[in-house]
Amino acid sequence: MDLIEEVGPTKTVWDMRDCYEKLLKEFLVNISEDYDDLLSKEFMKVFDRGRCVEFSPVVINKFLSRSEEPEAEVE
């Protein structure tokens, strides 16, 4: 919670009455073991309060209004 308050990622925390550290930890725990298995029906999906939500780098970058262009590798 301290990090959220310090950095202020307002676009990453929304539609919540109060944001509690325990809730954030619960969200991370609800990422399935098959998250990265292309053949799984839960591929790139997580469960948040009983809802299945698509969760991928593309979705995150789009929500944060970040470029979808590939960036050069840093050596």
Protein backbone atom coordinates (compact mmCIF):
# COMPACT_ATOMS: atom_id res chain seq x y z
CA MET A 1 0.00 0.00 0.00
CA ASP A 2 2.82 2.39 0.77
CA LEU A 3 4.17 1.97 -2.77
CA ILE A 4 0.76 2.67 -4.32
CA GLU A 5 0.39 5.81 -2.23
CA GLU A 6 3.97 6.93 -2.94
CA VAL A 7 4.06 6.28 -6.68
CA GLY A 8 0.40 7.03 -7.27
CA PRO A 9 -0.43 4.62 -10.13
CA THR A 10 -4.01 5.83 -10.28
CA LYS A 11 -4.68 4.07 -13.59
CA THR A 12 -3.70 0.72 -12.11
CA VAL A 13 -6.06 0.79 -9.12
CA TRP A 14 -9.65 1.61 -9.97
CA ASP A 15 -13.21 0.58 -9.24
CA MET A 16 -12.41 -0.21 -5.62
CA ARG A 17 -13.86 1.36 -2.50
CA ASP A 18 -10.77 0.87 -0.37
CA CYS A 19 -7.56 -0.75 -1.51
CA TYR A 20 -6.00 -2.98 1.09
CA GLU A 21 -2.64 -4.70 0.99
CA LYS A 22 -4.33 -8.04 1.78
CA LEU A 23 -6.58 -7.66 -1.27
CA LEU A 24 -3.58 -6.98 -3.53
CA LYS A 25 -1.83 -10.07 -2.21
CA GLU A 26 -5.01 -12.11 -2.79
CA PHE A 27 -5.11 -10.91 -6.40
CA LEU A 28 -1.55 -12.12 -6.96
CA VAL A 29 -2.34 -15.50 -5.41
CA ASN A 30 -5.30 -15.96 -7.79
CA ILE A 31 -3.07 -16.22 -10.85
CA SER A 32 -3.50 -19.83 -11.99
CA GLU A 33 -0.62 -22.23 -12.49
CA ASP A 34 -1.69 -22.57 -16.15
CA TYR A 35 -1.47 -18.81 -16.72
CA ASP A 36 1.33 -19.17 -19.27
CA ASP A 37 0.18 -22.48 -20.81
CA LEU A 38 -1.00 -21.69 -24.34
CA LEU A 39 -3.27 -24.77 -24.33
CA SER A 40 -5.01 -23.87 -21.06
CA LYS A 41 -8.49 -22.33 -21.03
CA GLU A 42 -7.09 -19.97 -18.37
CA PHE A 43 -4.21 -18.76 -20.57
CA MET A 44 -3.43 -15.14 -19.61
CA LYS A 45 -6.45 -14.91 -17.31
CA VAL A 46 -6.71 -14.23 -13.58
CA PHE A 47 -9.63 -14.33 -11.19
CA ASP A 48 -10.58 -11.17 -9.31
CA ARG A 49 -13.49 -11.41 -6.88
CA GLY A 50 -14.94 -14.35 -8.76
CA ARG A 51 -14.63 -12.75 -12.20
CA CYS A 52 -12.28 -14.02 -14.87
CA VAL A 53 -10.20 -11.15 -16.25
CA GLU A 54 -7.86 -11.16 -19.26
CA PHE A 55 -4.38 -10.25 -18.06
CA SER A 56 -1.47 -9.87 -20.46
CA PRO A 57 1.29 -7.39 -21.27
CA VAL A 58 -0.76 -6.12 -24.24
CA VAL A 59 -3.85 -5.51 -22.10
CA ILE A 60 -1.80 -3.81 -19.38
CA ASN A 61 0.05 -1.53 -21.83
CA LYS A 62 -3.18 -0.61 -23.60
CA PHE A 63 -4.84 0.30 -20.30
CA LEU A 64 -1.83 2.41 -19.27
CA SER A 65 -1.81 4.11 -22.71
CA ARG A 66 1.70 2.85 -23.37
CA SER A 67 3.09 2.20 -26.79
CA GLU A 68 2.63 -1.28 -28.18
CA GLU A 69 5.71 -0.87 -30.38
CA PRO A 70 8.56 -3.21 -29.45
CA GLU A 71 11.43 -1.49 -27.66
CA ALA A 72 15.09 -2.05 -28.42
CA GLU A 73 16.89 -4.47 -26.12
CA VAL A 74 19.26 -2.82 -23.67
CA GLU A 75 22.68 -4.45 -23.53
